[in-house]
Amino acid sequence: PANALKVAKIAEESERNQLMYMAQMLEGNA
């Protein structure tokens, strides 16, 4: 259970990082 929570947290952070990266790319192109 603790491991699943850790994996979920990592996945959440990864998703957030992807969104931030995409936002930066869009800002750079604008």
N, C-alpha and C. Protein backbone atom coordinates (compact mmCIF):
# COMPACT_ATOMS: atom_id res chain seq x y z
N PRO A 1 0.83 -1.22 0.00
CA PRO A 1 0.00 0.00 0.00
C PRO A 1 0.86 1.26 0.00
N ALA A 2 1.88 1.29 0.83
CA ALA A 2 2.76 2.46 0.89
C ALA A 2 3.44 2.66 -0.46
N ASN A 3 3.80 1.57 -1.10
CA ASN A 3 4.46 1.65 -2.41
C ASN A 3 3.52 2.23 -3.45
N ALA A 4 2.26 1.79 -3.42
CA ALA A 4 1.26 2.28 -4.38
C ALA A 4 1.08 3.78 -4.21
N LEU A 5 1.08 4.23 -2.97
CA LEU A 5 0.92 5.65 -2.70
C LEU A 5 2.10 6.42 -3.27
N LYS A 6 3.29 5.85 -3.09
CA LYS A 6 4.51 6.49 -3.61
C LYS A 6 4.46 6.60 -5.13
N VAL A 7 4.04 5.52 -5.77
CA VAL A 7 3.93 5.51 -7.24
C VAL A 7 2.91 6.54 -7.70
N ALA A 8 1.78 6.62 -7.00
CA ALA A 8 0.74 7.57 -7.38
C ALA A 8 1.26 8.99 -7.25
N LYS A 9 2.05 9.25 -6.22
CA LYS A 9 2.59 10.59 -6.00
C LYS A 9 3.57 10.95 -7.12
N ILE A 10 4.40 9.99 -7.50
CA ILE A 10 5.37 10.23 -8.57
C ILE A 10 4.64 10.49 -9.89
N ALA A 11 3.59 9.70 -10.15
CA ALA A 11 2.83 9.87 -11.39
C ALA A 11 2.18 11.25 -11.41
N GLU A 12 1.69 11.69 -10.27
CA GLU A 12 1.03 12.99 -10.19
C GLU A 12 2.04 14.11 -10.47
N GLU A 13 3.21 14.00 -9.88
CA GLU A 13 4.25 15.01 -10.09
C GLU A 13 4.70 15.01 -11.55
N SER A 14 4.83 13.82 -12.13
CA SER A 14 5.26 13.72 -13.52
C SER A 14 4.25 14.40 -14.43
N GLU A 15 2.97 14.17 -14.14
CA GLU A 15 1.91 14.76 -14.97
C GLU A 15 1.96 16.28 -14.85
N ARG A 16 2.15 16.75 -13.63
CA ARG A 16 2.20 18.20 -13.40
C ARG A 16 3.40 18.80 -14.14
N ASN A 17 4.55 18.10 -14.09
CA ASN A 17 5.74 18.59 -14.77
C ASN A 17 5.50 18.67 -16.28
N GLN A 18 4.79 17.67 -16.82
CA GLN A 18 4.50 17.67 -18.26
C GLN A 18 3.64 18.87 -18.62
N LEU A 19 2.63 19.15 -17.79
CA LEU A 19 1.75 20.28 -18.06
C LEU A 19 2.52 21.59 -18.00
N MET A 20 3.40 21.72 -17.02
CA MET A 20 4.19 22.94 -16.89
C MET A 20 5.13 23.09 -18.09
N TYR A 21 5.71 21.98 -18.52
CA TYR A 21 6.62 22.00 -19.67
C TYR A 21 5.87 22.44 -20.92
N MET A 22 4.68 21.87 -21.12
CA MET A 22 3.87 22.22 -22.29
C MET A 22 3.48 23.69 -22.24
N ALA A 23 3.13 24.18 -21.05
CA ALA A 23 2.74 25.58 -20.89
C ALA A 23 3.91 26.50 -21.26
N GLN A 24 5.11 26.11 -20.84
CA GLN A 24 6.30 26.92 -21.15
C GLN A 24 6.54 26.93 -22.66
N MET A 25 6.35 25.78 -23.30
CA MET A 25 6.56 25.69 -24.74
C MET A 25 5.57 26.59 -25.46
N LEU A 26 4.31 26.58 -25.01
CA LEU A 26 3.28 27.41 -25.64
C LEU A 26 3.61 28.88 -25.45
N GLU A 27 4.08 29.24 -24.28
CA GLU A 27 4.43 30.64 -24.01
C GLU A 27 5.58 31.06 -24.91
N GLY A 28 6.55 30.16 -25.10
CA GLY A 28 7.70 30.47 -25.93
C GLY A 28 7.30 30.65 -27.39
N ASN A 29 6.31 29.89 -27.84
CA ASN A 29 5.87 29.98 -29.23
C ASN A 29 5.00 31.21 -29.46
N ALA A 30 4.29 31.67 -28.44
CA ALA A 30 3.36 32.78 -28.58
C ALA A 30 4.09 34.09 -28.87
